[in-house]
Amino acid sequence: LFGGGGGAREGRAESRIDDGSAVAL
């Protein structure tokens, strides 16, 4: 969905979007 490998389990509060995310595509 958001790109990257971050995810909530890794404690990143910020949604990350990169060129590979569904939202960006």
PDBML (XML) file of the C-alpha atoms, coordinates in Angstrom:
<?xml version="1.0" encoding="UTF-8" ?>
<PDBx:datablock datablockName="MODEL"
   xmlns:PDBx="http://pdbml.pdb.org/schema/pdbx-v50.xsd"
   xmlns:xsi="http://www.w3.org/2001/XMLSchema-instance"
   xsi:schemaLocation="http://pdbml.pdb.org/schema/pdbx-v50.xsd pdbx-v50.xsd">
   <PDBx:atom_siteCategory>
      <PDBx:atom_site id="1">
         <PDBx:B_iso_or_equiv>0.00</PDBx:B_iso_or_equiv>
         <PDBx:Cartn_x>0.000</PDBx:Cartn_x>
         <PDBx:Cartn_y>0.000</PDBx:Cartn_y>
         <PDBx:Cartn_z>0.000</PDBx:Cartn_z>
         <PDBx:auth_asym_id>A</PDBx:auth_asym_id>
         <PDBx:auth_atom_id>CA</PDBx:auth_atom_id>
         <PDBx:auth_comp_id>LEU</PDBx:auth_comp_id>
         <PDBx:auth_seq_id>1</PDBx:auth_seq_id>
         <PDBx:group_PDB>ATOM</PDBx:group_PDB>
         <PDBx:label_alt_id xsi:nil="true" />
         <PDBx:label_asym_id>A</PDBx:label_asym_id>
         <PDBx:label_atom_id>CA</PDBx:label_atom_id>
         <PDBx:label_comp_id>LEU</PDBx:label_comp_id>
         <PDBx:label_entity_id>1</PDBx:label_entity_id>
         <PDBx:label_seq_id>1</PDBx:label_seq_id>
         <PDBx:occupancy>1.00</PDBx:occupancy>
         <PDBx:pdbx_PDB_model_num>1</PDBx:pdbx_PDB_model_num>
         <PDBx:type_symbol>C</PDBx:type_symbol>
      </PDBx:atom_site>
      <PDBx:atom_site id="2">
         <PDBx:B_iso_or_equiv>0.00</PDBx:B_iso_or_equiv>
         <PDBx:Cartn_x>2.478</PDBx:Cartn_x>
         <PDBx:Cartn_y>2.596</PDBx:Cartn_y>
         <PDBx:Cartn_z>1.202</PDBx:Cartn_z>
         <PDBx:auth_asym_id>A</PDBx:auth_asym_id>
         <PDBx:auth_atom_id>CA</PDBx:auth_atom_id>
         <PDBx:auth_comp_id>PHE</PDBx:auth_comp_id>
         <PDBx:auth_seq_id>2</PDBx:auth_seq_id>
         <PDBx:group_PDB>ATOM</PDBx:group_PDB>
         <PDBx:label_alt_id xsi:nil="true" />
         <PDBx:label_asym_id>A</PDBx:label_asym_id>
         <PDBx:label_atom_id>CA</PDBx:label_atom_id>
         <PDBx:label_comp_id>PHE</PDBx:label_comp_id>
         <PDBx:label_entity_id>1</PDBx:label_entity_id>
         <PDBx:label_seq_id>2</PDBx:label_seq_id>
         <PDBx:occupancy>1.00</PDBx:occupancy>
         <PDBx:pdbx_PDB_model_num>1</PDBx:pdbx_PDB_model_num>
         <PDBx:type_symbol>C</PDBx:type_symbol>
      </PDBx:atom_site>
      <PDBx:atom_site id="3">
         <PDBx:B_iso_or_equiv>0.00</PDBx:B_iso_or_equiv>
         <PDBx:Cartn_x>5.823</PDBx:Cartn_x>
         <PDBx:Cartn_y>1.479</PDBx:Cartn_y>
         <PDBx:Cartn_z>-0.197</PDBx:Cartn_z>
         <PDBx:auth_asym_id>A</PDBx:auth_asym_id>
         <PDBx:auth_atom_id>CA</PDBx:auth_atom_id>
         <PDBx:auth_comp_id>GLY</PDBx:auth_comp_id>
         <PDBx:auth_seq_id>3</PDBx:auth_seq_id>
         <PDBx:group_PDB>ATOM</PDBx:group_PDB>
         <PDBx:label_alt_id xsi:nil="true" />
         <PDBx:label_asym_id>A</PDBx:label_asym_id>
         <PDBx:label_atom_id>CA</PDBx:label_atom_id>
         <PDBx:label_comp_id>GLY</PDBx:label_comp_id>
         <PDBx:label_entity_id>1</PDBx:label_entity_id>
         <PDBx:label_seq_id>3</PDBx:label_seq_id>
         <PDBx:occupancy>1.00</PDBx:occupancy>
         <PDBx:pdbx_PDB_model_num>1</PDBx:pdbx_PDB_model_num>
         <PDBx:type_symbol>C</PDBx:type_symbol>
      </PDBx:atom_site>
      <PDBx:atom_site id="4">
         <PDBx:B_iso_or_equiv>0.00</PDBx:B_iso_or_equiv>
         <PDBx:Cartn_x>9.056</PDBx:Cartn_x>
         <PDBx:Cartn_y>0.648</PDBx:Cartn_y>
         <PDBx:Cartn_z>1.602</PDBx:Cartn_z>
         <PDBx:auth_asym_id>A</PDBx:auth_asym_id>
         <PDBx:auth_atom_id>CA</PDBx:auth_atom_id>
         <PDBx:auth_comp_id>GLY</PDBx:auth_comp_id>
         <PDBx:auth_seq_id>4</PDBx:auth_seq_id>
         <PDBx:group_PDB>ATOM</PDBx:group_PDB>
         <PDBx:label_alt_id xsi:nil="true" />
         <PDBx:label_asym_id>A</PDBx:label_asym_id>
         <PDBx:label_atom_id>CA</PDBx:label_atom_id>
         <PDBx:label_comp_id>GLY</PDBx:label_comp_id>
         <PDBx:label_entity_id>1</PDBx:label_entity_id>
         <PDBx:label_seq_id>4</PDBx:label_seq_id>
         <PDBx:occupancy>1.00</PDBx:occupancy>
         <PDBx:pdbx_PDB_model_num>1</PDBx:pdbx_PDB_model_num>
         <PDBx:type_symbol>C</PDBx:type_symbol>
      </PDBx:atom_site>
      <PDBx:atom_site id="5">
         <PDBx:B_iso_or_equiv>0.00</PDBx:B_iso_or_equiv>
         <PDBx:Cartn_x>9.245</PDBx:Cartn_x>
         <PDBx:Cartn_y>-2.040</PDBx:Cartn_y>
         <PDBx:Cartn_z>4.247</PDBx:Cartn_z>
         <PDBx:auth_asym_id>A</PDBx:auth_asym_id>
         <PDBx:auth_atom_id>CA</PDBx:auth_atom_id>
         <PDBx:auth_comp_id>GLY</PDBx:auth_comp_id>
         <PDBx:auth_seq_id>5</PDBx:auth_seq_id>
         <PDBx:group_PDB>ATOM</PDBx:group_PDB>
         <PDBx:label_alt_id xsi:nil="true" />
         <PDBx:label_asym_id>A</PDBx:label_asym_id>
         <PDBx:label_atom_id>CA</PDBx:label_atom_id>
         <PDBx:label_comp_id>GLY</PDBx:label_comp_id>
         <PDBx:label_entity_id>1</PDBx:label_entity_id>
         <PDBx:label_seq_id>5</PDBx:label_seq_id>
         <PDBx:occupancy>1.00</PDBx:occupancy>
         <PDBx:pdbx_PDB_model_num>1</PDBx:pdbx_PDB_model_num>
         <PDBx:type_symbol>C</PDBx:type_symbol>
      </PDBx:atom_site>
      <PDBx:atom_site id="6">
         <PDBx:B_iso_or_equiv>0.00</PDBx:B_iso_or_equiv>
         <PDBx:Cartn_x>8.433</PDBx:Cartn_x>
         <PDBx:Cartn_y>0.151</PDBx:Cartn_y>
         <PDBx:Cartn_z>7.203</PDBx:Cartn_z>
         <PDBx:auth_asym_id>A</PDBx:auth_asym_id>
         <PDBx:auth_atom_id>CA</PDBx:auth_atom_id>
         <PDBx:auth_comp_id>GLY</PDBx:auth_comp_id>
         <PDBx:auth_seq_id>6</PDBx:auth_seq_id>
         <PDBx:group_PDB>ATOM</PDBx:group_PDB>
         <PDBx:label_alt_id xsi:nil="true" />
         <PDBx:label_asym_id>A</PDBx:label_asym_id>
         <PDBx:label_atom_id>CA</PDBx:label_atom_id>
         <PDBx:label_comp_id>GLY</PDBx:label_comp_id>
         <PDBx:label_entity_id>1</PDBx:label_entity_id>
         <PDBx:label_seq_id>6</PDBx:label_seq_id>
         <PDBx:occupancy>1.00</PDBx:occupancy>
         <PDBx:pdbx_PDB_model_num>1</PDBx:pdbx_PDB_model_num>
         <PDBx:type_symbol>C</PDBx:type_symbol>
      </PDBx:atom_site>
      <PDBx:atom_site id="7">
         <PDBx:B_iso_or_equiv>0.00</PDBx:B_iso_or_equiv>
         <PDBx:Cartn_x>5.017</PDBx:Cartn_x>
         <PDBx:Cartn_y>-0.782</PDBx:Cartn_y>
         <PDBx:Cartn_z>8.439</PDBx:Cartn_z>
         <PDBx:auth_asym_id>A</PDBx:auth_asym_id>
         <PDBx:auth_atom_id>CA</PDBx:auth_atom_id>
         <PDBx:auth_comp_id>GLY</PDBx:auth_comp_id>
         <PDBx:auth_seq_id>7</PDBx:auth_seq_id>
         <PDBx:group_PDB>ATOM</PDBx:group_PDB>
         <PDBx:label_alt_id xsi:nil="true" />
         <PDBx:label_asym_id>A</PDBx:label_asym_id>
         <PDBx:label_atom_id>CA</PDBx:label_atom_id>
         <PDBx:label_comp_id>GLY</PDBx:label_comp_id>
         <PDBx:label_entity_id>1</PDBx:label_entity_id>
         <PDBx:label_seq_id>7</PDBx:label_seq_id>
         <PDBx:occupancy>1.00</PDBx:occupancy>
         <PDBx:pdbx_PDB_model_num>1</PDBx:pdbx_PDB_model_num>
         <PDBx:type_symbol>C</PDBx:type_symbol>
      </PDBx:atom_site>
      <PDBx:atom_site id="8">
         <PDBx:B_iso_or_equiv>0.00</PDBx:B_iso_or_equiv>
         <PDBx:Cartn_x>3.490</PDBx:Cartn_x>
         <PDBx:Cartn_y>-0.207</PDBx:Cartn_y>
         <PDBx:Cartn_z>11.825</PDBx:Cartn_z>
         <PDBx:auth_asym_id>A</PDBx:auth_asym_id>
         <PDBx:auth_atom_id>CA</PDBx:auth_atom_id>
         <PDBx:auth_comp_id>ALA</PDBx:auth_comp_id>
         <PDBx:auth_seq_id>8</PDBx:auth_seq_id>
         <PDBx:group_PDB>ATOM</PDBx:group_PDB>
         <PDBx:label_alt_id xsi:nil="true" />
         <PDBx:label_asym_id>A</PDBx:label_asym_id>
         <PDBx:label_atom_id>CA</PDBx:label_atom_id>
         <PDBx:label_comp_id>ALA</PDBx:label_comp_id>
         <PDBx:label_entity_id>1</PDBx:label_entity_id>
         <PDBx:label_seq_id>8</PDBx:label_seq_id>
         <PDBx:occupancy>1.00</PDBx:occupancy>
         <PDBx:pdbx_PDB_model_num>1</PDBx:pdbx_PDB_model_num>
         <PDBx:type_symbol>C</PDBx:type_symbol>
      </PDBx:atom_site>
      <PDBx:atom_site id="9">
         <PDBx:B_iso_or_equiv>0.00</PDBx:B_iso_or_equiv>
         <PDBx:Cartn_x>5.280</PDBx:Cartn_x>
         <PDBx:Cartn_y>-3.103</PDBx:Cartn_y>
         <PDBx:Cartn_z>13.481</PDBx:Cartn_z>
         <PDBx:auth_asym_id>A</PDBx:auth_asym_id>
         <PDBx:auth_atom_id>CA</PDBx:auth_atom_id>
         <PDBx:auth_comp_id>ARG</PDBx:auth_comp_id>
         <PDBx:auth_seq_id>9</PDBx:auth_seq_id>
         <PDBx:group_PDB>ATOM</PDBx:group_PDB>
         <PDBx:label_alt_id xsi:nil="true" />
         <PDBx:label_asym_id>A</PDBx:label_asym_id>
         <PDBx:label_atom_id>CA</PDBx:label_atom_id>
         <PDBx:label_comp_id>ARG</PDBx:label_comp_id>
         <PDBx:label_entity_id>1</PDBx:label_entity_id>
         <PDBx:label_seq_id>9</PDBx:label_seq_id>
         <PDBx:occupancy>1.00</PDBx:occupancy>
         <PDBx:pdbx_PDB_model_num>1</PDBx:pdbx_PDB_model_num>
         <PDBx:type_symbol>C</PDBx:type_symbol>
      </PDBx:atom_site>
      <PDBx:atom_site id="10">
         <PDBx:B_iso_or_equiv>0.00</PDBx:B_iso_or_equiv>
         <PDBx:Cartn_x>8.628</PDBx:Cartn_x>
         <PDBx:Cartn_y>-1.413</PDBx:Cartn_y>
         <PDBx:Cartn_z>12.987</PDBx:Cartn_z>
         <PDBx:auth_asym_id>A</PDBx:auth_asym_id>
         <PDBx:auth_atom_id>CA</PDBx:auth_atom_id>
         <PDBx:auth_comp_id>GLU</PDBx:auth_comp_id>
         <PDBx:auth_seq_id>10</PDBx:auth_seq_id>
         <PDBx:group_PDB>ATOM</PDBx:group_PDB>
         <PDBx:label_alt_id xsi:nil="true" />
         <PDBx:label_asym_id>A</PDBx:label_asym_id>
         <PDBx:label_atom_id>CA</PDBx:label_atom_id>
         <PDBx:label_comp_id>GLU</PDBx:label_comp_id>
         <PDBx:label_entity_id>1</PDBx:label_entity_id>
         <PDBx:label_seq_id>10</PDBx:label_seq_id>
         <PDBx:occupancy>1.00</PDBx:occupancy>
         <PDBx:pdbx_PDB_model_num>1</PDBx:pdbx_PDB_model_num>
         <PDBx:type_symbol>C</PDBx:type_symbol>
      </PDBx:atom_site>
      <PDBx:atom_site id="11">
         <PDBx:B_iso_or_equiv>0.00</PDBx:B_iso_or_equiv>
         <PDBx:Cartn_x>7.435</PDBx:Cartn_x>
         <PDBx:Cartn_y>1.676</PDBx:Cartn_y>
         <PDBx:Cartn_z>14.847</PDBx:Cartn_z>
         <PDBx:auth_asym_id>A</PDBx:auth_asym_id>
         <PDBx:auth_atom_id>CA</PDBx:auth_atom_id>
         <PDBx:auth_comp_id>GLY</PDBx:auth_comp_id>
         <PDBx:auth_seq_id>11</PDBx:auth_seq_id>
         <PDBx:group_PDB>ATOM</PDBx:group_PDB>
         <PDBx:label_alt_id xsi:nil="true" />
         <PDBx:label_asym_id>A</PDBx:label_asym_id>
         <PDBx:label_atom_id>CA</PDBx:label_atom_id>
         <PDBx:label_comp_id>GLY</PDBx:label_comp_id>
         <PDBx:label_entity_id>1</PDBx:label_entity_id>
         <PDBx:label_seq_id>11</PDBx:label_seq_id>
         <PDBx:occupancy>1.00</PDBx:occupancy>
         <PDBx:pdbx_PDB_model_num>1</PDBx:pdbx_PDB_model_num>
         <PDBx:type_symbol>C</PDBx:type_symbol>
      </PDBx:atom_site>
      <PDBx:atom_site id="12">
         <PDBx:B_iso_or_equiv>0.00</PDBx:B_iso_or_equiv>
         <PDBx:Cartn_x>7.374</PDBx:Cartn_x>
         <PDBx:Cartn_y>4.142</PDBx:Cartn_y>
         <PDBx:Cartn_z>11.987</PDBx:Cartn_z>
         <PDBx:auth_asym_id>A</PDBx:auth_asym_id>
         <PDBx:auth_atom_id>CA</PDBx:auth_atom_id>
         <PDBx:auth_comp_id>ARG</PDBx:auth_comp_id>
         <PDBx:auth_seq_id>12</PDBx:auth_seq_id>
         <PDBx:group_PDB>ATOM</PDBx:group_PDB>
         <PDBx:label_alt_id xsi:nil="true" />
         <PDBx:label_asym_id>A</PDBx:label_asym_id>
         <PDBx:label_atom_id>CA</PDBx:label_atom_id>
         <PDBx:label_comp_id>ARG</PDBx:label_comp_id>
         <PDBx:label_entity_id>1</PDBx:label_entity_id>
         <PDBx:label_seq_id>12</PDBx:label_seq_id>
         <PDBx:occupancy>1.00</PDBx:occupancy>
         <PDBx:pdbx_PDB_model_num>1</PDBx:pdbx_PDB_model_num>
         <PDBx:type_symbol>C</PDBx:type_symbol>
      </PDBx:atom_site>
      <PDBx:atom_site id="13">
         <PDBx:B_iso_or_equiv>0.00</PDBx:B_iso_or_equiv>
         <PDBx:Cartn_x>4.488</PDBx:Cartn_x>
         <PDBx:Cartn_y>6.512</PDBx:Cartn_y>
         <PDBx:Cartn_z>12.562</PDBx:Cartn_z>
         <PDBx:auth_asym_id>A</PDBx:auth_asym_id>
         <PDBx:auth_atom_id>CA</PDBx:auth_atom_id>
         <PDBx:auth_comp_id>ALA</PDBx:auth_comp_id>
         <PDBx:auth_seq_id>13</PDBx:auth_seq_id>
         <PDBx:group_PDB>ATOM</PDBx:group_PDB>
         <PDBx:label_alt_id xsi:nil="true" />
         <PDBx:label_asym_id>A</PDBx:label_asym_id>
         <PDBx:label_atom_id>CA</PDBx:label_atom_id>
         <PDBx:label_comp_id>ALA</PDBx:label_comp_id>
         <PDBx:label_entity_id>1</PDBx:label_entity_id>
         <PDBx:label_seq_id>13</PDBx:label_seq_id>
         <PDBx:occupancy>1.00</PDBx:occupancy>
         <PDBx:pdbx_PDB_model_num>1</PDBx:pdbx_PDB_model_num>
         <PDBx:type_symbol>C</PDBx:type_symbol>
      </PDBx:atom_site>
      <PDBx:atom_site id="14">
         <PDBx:B_iso_or_equiv>0.00</PDBx:B_iso_or_equiv>
         <PDBx:Cartn_x>4.868</PDBx:Cartn_x>
         <PDBx:Cartn_y>8.173</PDBx:Cartn_y>
         <PDBx:Cartn_z>9.190</PDBx:Cartn_z>
         <PDBx:auth_asym_id>A</PDBx:auth_asym_id>
         <PDBx:auth_atom_id>CA</PDBx:auth_atom_id>
         <PDBx:auth_comp_id>GLU</PDBx:auth_comp_id>
         <PDBx:auth_seq_id>14</PDBx:auth_seq_id>
         <PDBx:group_PDB>ATOM</PDBx:group_PDB>
         <PDBx:label_alt_id xsi:nil="true" />
         <PDBx:label_asym_id>A</PDBx:label_asym_id>
         <PDBx:label_atom_id>CA</PDBx:label_atom_id>
         <PDBx:label_comp_id>GLU</PDBx:label_comp_id>
         <PDBx:label_entity_id>1</PDBx:label_entity_id>
         <PDBx:label_seq_id>14</PDBx:label_seq_id>
         <PDBx:occupancy>1.00</PDBx:occupancy>
         <PDBx:pdbx_PDB_model_num>1</PDBx:pdbx_PDB_model_num>
         <PDBx:type_symbol>C</PDBx:type_symbol>
      </PDBx:atom_site>
      <PDBx:atom_site id="15">
         <PDBx:B_iso_or_equiv>0.00</PDBx:B_iso_or_equiv>
         <PDBx:Cartn_x>3.317</PDBx:Cartn_x>
         <PDBx:Cartn_y>6.588</PDBx:Cartn_y>
         <PDBx:Cartn_z>6.088</PDBx:Cartn_z>
         <PDBx:auth_asym_id>A</PDBx:auth_asym_id>
         <PDBx:auth_atom_id>CA</PDBx:auth_atom_id>
         <PDBx:auth_comp_id>SER</PDBx:auth_comp_id>
         <PDBx:auth_seq_id>15</PDBx:auth_seq_id>
         <PDBx:group_PDB>ATOM</PDBx:group_PDB>
         <PDBx:label_alt_id xsi:nil="true" />
         <PDBx:label_asym_id>A</PDBx:label_asym_id>
         <PDBx:label_atom_id>CA</PDBx:label_atom_id>
         <PDBx:label_comp_id>SER</PDBx:label_comp_id>
         <PDBx:label_entity_id>1</PDBx:label_entity_id>
         <PDBx:label_seq_id>15</PDBx:label_seq_id>
         <PDBx:occupancy>1.00</PDBx:occupancy>
         <PDBx:pdbx_PDB_model_num>1</PDBx:pdbx_PDB_model_num>
         <PDBx:type_symbol>C</PDBx:type_symbol>
      </PDBx:atom_site>
      <PDBx:atom_site id="16">
         <PDBx:B_iso_or_equiv>0.00</PDBx:B_iso_or_equiv>
         <PDBx:Cartn_x>6.011</PDBx:Cartn_x>
         <PDBx:Cartn_y>6.115</PDBx:Cartn_y>
         <PDBx:Cartn_z>3.517</PDBx:Cartn_z>
         <PDBx:auth_asym_id>A</PDBx:auth_asym_id>
         <PDBx:auth_atom_id>CA</PDBx:auth_atom_id>
         <PDBx:auth_comp_id>ARG</PDBx:auth_comp_id>
         <PDBx:auth_seq_id>16</PDBx:auth_seq_id>
         <PDBx:group_PDB>ATOM</PDBx:group_PDB>
         <PDBx:label_alt_id xsi:nil="true" />
         <PDBx:label_asym_id>A</PDBx:label_asym_id>
         <PDBx:label_atom_id>CA</PDBx:label_atom_id>
         <PDBx:label_comp_id>ARG</PDBx:label_comp_id>
         <PDBx:label_entity_id>1</PDBx:label_entity_id>
         <PDBx:label_seq_id>16</PDBx:label_seq_id>
         <PDBx:occupancy>1.00</PDBx:occupancy>
         <PDBx:pdbx_PDB_model_num>1</PDBx:pdbx_PDB_model_num>
         <PDBx:type_symbol>C</PDBx:type_symbol>
      </PDBx:atom_site>
      <PDBx:atom_site id="17">
         <PDBx:B_iso_or_equiv>0.00</PDBx:B_iso_or_equiv>
         <PDBx:Cartn_x>5.197</PDBx:Cartn_x>
         <PDBx:Cartn_y>6.346</PDBx:Cartn_y>
         <PDBx:Cartn_z>-0.197</PDBx:Cartn_z>
         <PDBx:auth_asym_id>A</PDBx:auth_asym_id>
         <PDBx:auth_atom_id>CA</PDBx:auth_atom_id>
         <PDBx:auth_comp_id>ILE</PDBx:auth_comp_id>
         <PDBx:auth_seq_id>17</PDBx:auth_seq_id>
         <PDBx:group_PDB>ATOM</PDBx:group_PDB>
         <PDBx:label_alt_id xsi:nil="true" />
         <PDBx:label_asym_id>A</PDBx:label_asym_id>
         <PDBx:label_atom_id>CA</PDBx:label_atom_id>
         <PDBx:label_comp_id>ILE</PDBx:label_comp_id>
         <PDBx:label_entity_id>1</PDBx:label_entity_id>
         <PDBx:label_seq_id>17</PDBx:label_seq_id>
         <PDBx:occupancy>1.00</PDBx:occupancy>
         <PDBx:pdbx_PDB_model_num>1</PDBx:pdbx_PDB_model_num>
         <PDBx:type_symbol>C</PDBx:type_symbol>
      </PDBx:atom_site>
      <PDBx:atom_site id="18">
         <PDBx:B_iso_or_equiv>0.00</PDBx:B_iso_or_equiv>
         <PDBx:Cartn_x>7.726</PDBx:Cartn_x>
         <PDBx:Cartn_y>5.553</PDBx:Cartn_y>
         <PDBx:Cartn_z>-2.850</PDBx:Cartn_z>
         <PDBx:auth_asym_id>A</PDBx:auth_asym_id>
         <PDBx:auth_atom_id>CA</PDBx:auth_atom_id>
         <PDBx:auth_comp_id>ASP</PDBx:auth_comp_id>
         <PDBx:auth_seq_id>18</PDBx:auth_seq_id>
         <PDBx:group_PDB>ATOM</PDBx:group_PDB>
         <PDBx:label_alt_id xsi:nil="true" />
         <PDBx:label_asym_id>A</PDBx:label_asym_id>
         <PDBx:label_atom_id>CA</PDBx:label_atom_id>
         <PDBx:label_comp_id>ASP</PDBx:label_comp_id>
         <PDBx:label_entity_id>1</PDBx:label_entity_id>
         <PDBx:label_seq_id>18</PDBx:label_seq_id>
         <PDBx:occupancy>1.00</PDBx:occupancy>
         <PDBx:pdbx_PDB_model_num>1</PDBx:pdbx_PDB_model_num>
         <PDBx:type_symbol>C</PDBx:type_symbol>
      </PDBx:atom_site>
      <PDBx:atom_site id="19">
         <PDBx:B_iso_or_equiv>0.00</PDBx:B_iso_or_equiv>
         <PDBx:Cartn_x>7.478</PDBx:Cartn_x>
         <PDBx:Cartn_y>4.793</PDBx:Cartn_y>
         <PDBx:Cartn_z>-6.545</PDBx:Cartn_z>
         <PDBx:auth_asym_id>A</PDBx:auth_asym_id>
         <PDBx:auth_atom_id>CA</PDBx:auth_atom_id>
         <PDBx:auth_comp_id>ASP</PDBx:auth_comp_id>
         <PDBx:auth_seq_id>19</PDBx:auth_seq_id>
         <PDBx:group_PDB>ATOM</PDBx:group_PDB>
         <PDBx:label_alt_id xsi:nil="true" />
         <PDBx:label_asym_id>A</PDBx:label_asym_id>
         <PDBx:label_atom_id>CA</PDBx:label_atom_id>
         <PDBx:label_comp_id>ASP</PDBx:label_comp_id>
         <PDBx:label_entity_id>1</PDBx:label_entity_id>
         <PDBx:label_seq_id>19</PDBx:label_seq_id>
         <PDBx:occupancy>1.00</PDBx:occupancy>
         <PDBx:pdbx_PDB_model_num>1</PDBx:pdbx_PDB_model_num>
         <PDBx:type_symbol>C</PDBx:type_symbol>
      </PDBx:atom_site>
      <PDBx:atom_site id="20">
         <PDBx:B_iso_or_equiv>0.00</PDBx:B_iso_or_equiv>
         <PDBx:Cartn_x>6.619</PDBx:Cartn_x>
         <PDBx:Cartn_y>1.161</PDBx:Cartn_y>
         <PDBx:Cartn_z>-5.821</PDBx:Cartn_z>
         <PDBx:auth_asym_id>A</PDBx:auth_asym_id>
         <PDBx:auth_atom_id>CA</PDBx:auth_atom_id>
         <PDBx:auth_comp_id>GLY</PDBx:auth_comp_id>
         <PDBx:auth_seq_id>20</PDBx:auth_seq_id>
         <PDBx:group_PDB>ATOM</PDBx:group_PDB>
         <PDBx:label_alt_id xsi:nil="true" />
         <PDBx:label_asym_id>A</PDBx:label_asym_id>
         <PDBx:label_atom_id>CA</PDBx:label_atom_id>
         <PDBx:label_comp_id>GLY</PDBx:label_comp_id>
         <PDBx:label_entity_id>1</PDBx:label_entity_id>
         <PDBx:label_seq_id>20</PDBx:label_seq_id>
         <PDBx:occupancy>1.00</PDBx:occupancy>
         <PDBx:pdbx_PDB_model_num>1</PDBx:pdbx_PDB_model_num>
         <PDBx:type_symbol>C</PDBx:type_symbol>
      </PDBx:atom_site>
      <PDBx:atom_site id="21">
         <PDBx:B_iso_or_equiv>0.00</PDBx:B_iso_or_equiv>
         <PDBx:Cartn_x>3.572</PDBx:Cartn_x>
         <PDBx:Cartn_y>1.810</PDBx:Cartn_y>
         <PDBx:Cartn_z>-3.612</PDBx:Cartn_z>
         <PDBx:auth_asym_id>A</PDBx:auth_asym_id>
         <PDBx:auth_atom_id>CA</PDBx:auth_atom_id>
         <PDBx:auth_comp_id>SER</PDBx:auth_comp_id>
         <PDBx:auth_seq_id>21</PDBx:auth_seq_id>
         <PDBx:group_PDB>ATOM</PDBx:group_PDB>
         <PDBx:label_alt_id xsi:nil="true" />
         <PDBx:label_asym_id>A</PDBx:label_asym_id>
         <PDBx:label_atom_id>CA</PDBx:label_atom_id>
         <PDBx:label_comp_id>SER</PDBx:label_comp_id>
         <PDBx:label_entity_id>1</PDBx:label_entity_id>
         <PDBx:label_seq_id>21</PDBx:label_seq_id>
         <PDBx:occupancy>1.00</PDBx:occupancy>
         <PDBx:pdbx_PDB_model_num>1</PDBx:pdbx_PDB_model_num>
         <PDBx:type_symbol>C</PDBx:type_symbol>
      </PDBx:atom_site>
      <PDBx:atom_site id="22">
         <PDBx:B_iso_or_equiv>0.00</PDBx:B_iso_or_equiv>
         <PDBx:Cartn_x>0.026</PDBx:Cartn_x>
         <PDBx:Cartn_y>1.213</PDBx:Cartn_y>
         <PDBx:Cartn_z>-4.779</PDBx:Cartn_z>
         <PDBx:auth_asym_id>A</PDBx:auth_asym_id>
         <PDBx:auth_atom_id>CA</PDBx:auth_atom_id>
         <PDBx:auth_comp_id>ALA</PDBx:auth_comp_id>
         <PDBx:auth_seq_id>22</PDBx:auth_seq_id>
         <PDBx:group_PDB>ATOM</PDBx:group_PDB>
         <PDBx:label_alt_id xsi:nil="true" />
         <PDBx:label_asym_id>A</PDBx:label_asym_id>
         <PDBx:label_atom_id>CA</PDBx:label_atom_id>
         <PDBx:label_comp_id>ALA</PDBx:label_comp_id>
         <PDBx:label_entity_id>1</PDBx:label_entity_id>
         <PDBx:label_seq_id>22</PDBx:label_seq_id>
         <PDBx:occupancy>1.00</PDBx:occupancy>
         <PDBx:pdbx_PDB_model_num>1</PDBx:pdbx_PDB_model_num>
         <PDBx:type_symbol>C</PDBx:type_symbol>
      </PDBx:atom_site>
      <PDBx:atom_site id="23">
         <PDBx:B_iso_or_equiv>0.00</PDBx:B_iso_or_equiv>
         <PDBx:Cartn_x>-0.934</PDBx:Cartn_x>
         <PDBx:Cartn_y>4.734</PDBx:Cartn_y>
         <PDBx:Cartn_z>-3.735</PDBx:Cartn_z>
         <PDBx:auth_asym_id>A</PDBx:auth_asym_id>
         <PDBx:auth_atom_id>CA</PDBx:auth_atom_id>
         <PDBx:auth_comp_id>VAL</PDBx:auth_comp_id>
         <PDBx:auth_seq_id>23</PDBx:auth_seq_id>
         <PDBx:group_PDB>ATOM</PDBx:group_PDB>
         <PDBx:label_alt_id xsi:nil="true" />
         <PDBx:label_asym_id>A</PDBx:label_asym_id>
         <PDBx:label_atom_id>CA</PDBx:label_atom_id>
         <PDBx:label_comp_id>VAL</PDBx:label_comp_id>
         <PDBx:label_entity_id>1</PDBx:label_entity_id>
         <PDBx:label_seq_id>23</PDBx:label_seq_id>
         <PDBx:occupancy>1.00</PDBx:occupancy>
         <PDBx:pdbx_PDB_model_num>1</PDBx:pdbx_PDB_model_num>
         <PDBx:type_symbol>C</PDBx:type_symbol>
      </PDBx:atom_site>
      <PDBx:atom_site id="24">
         <PDBx:B_iso_or_equiv>0.00</PDBx:B_iso_or_equiv>
         <PDBx:Cartn_x>1.789</PDBx:Cartn_x>
         <PDBx:Cartn_y>6.199</PDBx:Cartn_y>
         <PDBx:Cartn_z>-5.948</PDBx:Cartn_z>
         <PDBx:auth_asym_id>A</PDBx:auth_asym_id>
         <PDBx:auth_atom_id>CA</PDBx:auth_atom_id>
         <PDBx:auth_comp_id>ALA</PDBx:auth_comp_id>
         <PDBx:auth_seq_id>24</PDBx:auth_seq_id>
         <PDBx:group_PDB>ATOM</PDBx:group_PDB>
         <PDBx:label_alt_id xsi:nil="true" />
         <PDBx:label_asym_id>A</PDBx:label_asym_id>
         <PDBx:label_atom_id>CA</PDBx:label_atom_id>
         <PDBx:label_comp_id>ALA</PDBx:label_comp_id>
         <PDBx:label_entity_id>1</PDBx:label_entity_id>
         <PDBx:label_seq_id>24</PDBx:label_seq_id>
         <PDBx:occupancy>1.00</PDBx:occupancy>
         <PDBx:pdbx_PDB_model_num>1</PDBx:pdbx_PDB_model_num>
         <PDBx:type_symbol>C</PDBx:type_symbol>
      </PDBx:atom_site>
      <PDBx:atom_site id="25">
         <PDBx:B_iso_or_equiv>0.00</PDBx:B_iso_or_equiv>
         <PDBx:Cartn_x>1.045</PDBx:Cartn_x>
         <PDBx:Cartn_y>3.872</PDBx:Cartn_y>
         <PDBx:Cartn_z>-8.841</PDBx:Cartn_z>
         <PDBx:auth_asym_id>A</PDBx:auth_asym_id>
         <PDBx:auth_atom_id>CA</PDBx:auth_atom_id>
         <PDBx:auth_comp_id>LEU</PDBx:auth_comp_id>
         <PDBx:auth_seq_id>25</PDBx:auth_seq_id>
         <PDBx:group_PDB>ATOM</PDBx:group_PDB>
         <PDBx:label_alt_id xsi:nil="true" />
         <PDBx:label_asym_id>A</PDBx:label_asym_id>
         <PDBx:label_atom_id>CA</PDBx:label_atom_id>
         <PDBx:label_comp_id>LEU</PDBx:label_comp_id>
         <PDBx:label_entity_id>1</PDBx:label_entity_id>
         <PDBx:label_seq_id>25</PDBx:label_seq_id>
         <PDBx:occupancy>1.00</PDBx:occupancy>
         <PDBx:pdbx_PDB_model_num>1</PDBx:pdbx_PDB_model_num>
         <PDBx:type_symbol>C</PDBx:type_symbol>
      </PDBx:atom_site>
   </PDBx:atom_siteCategory>
</PDBx:datablock>
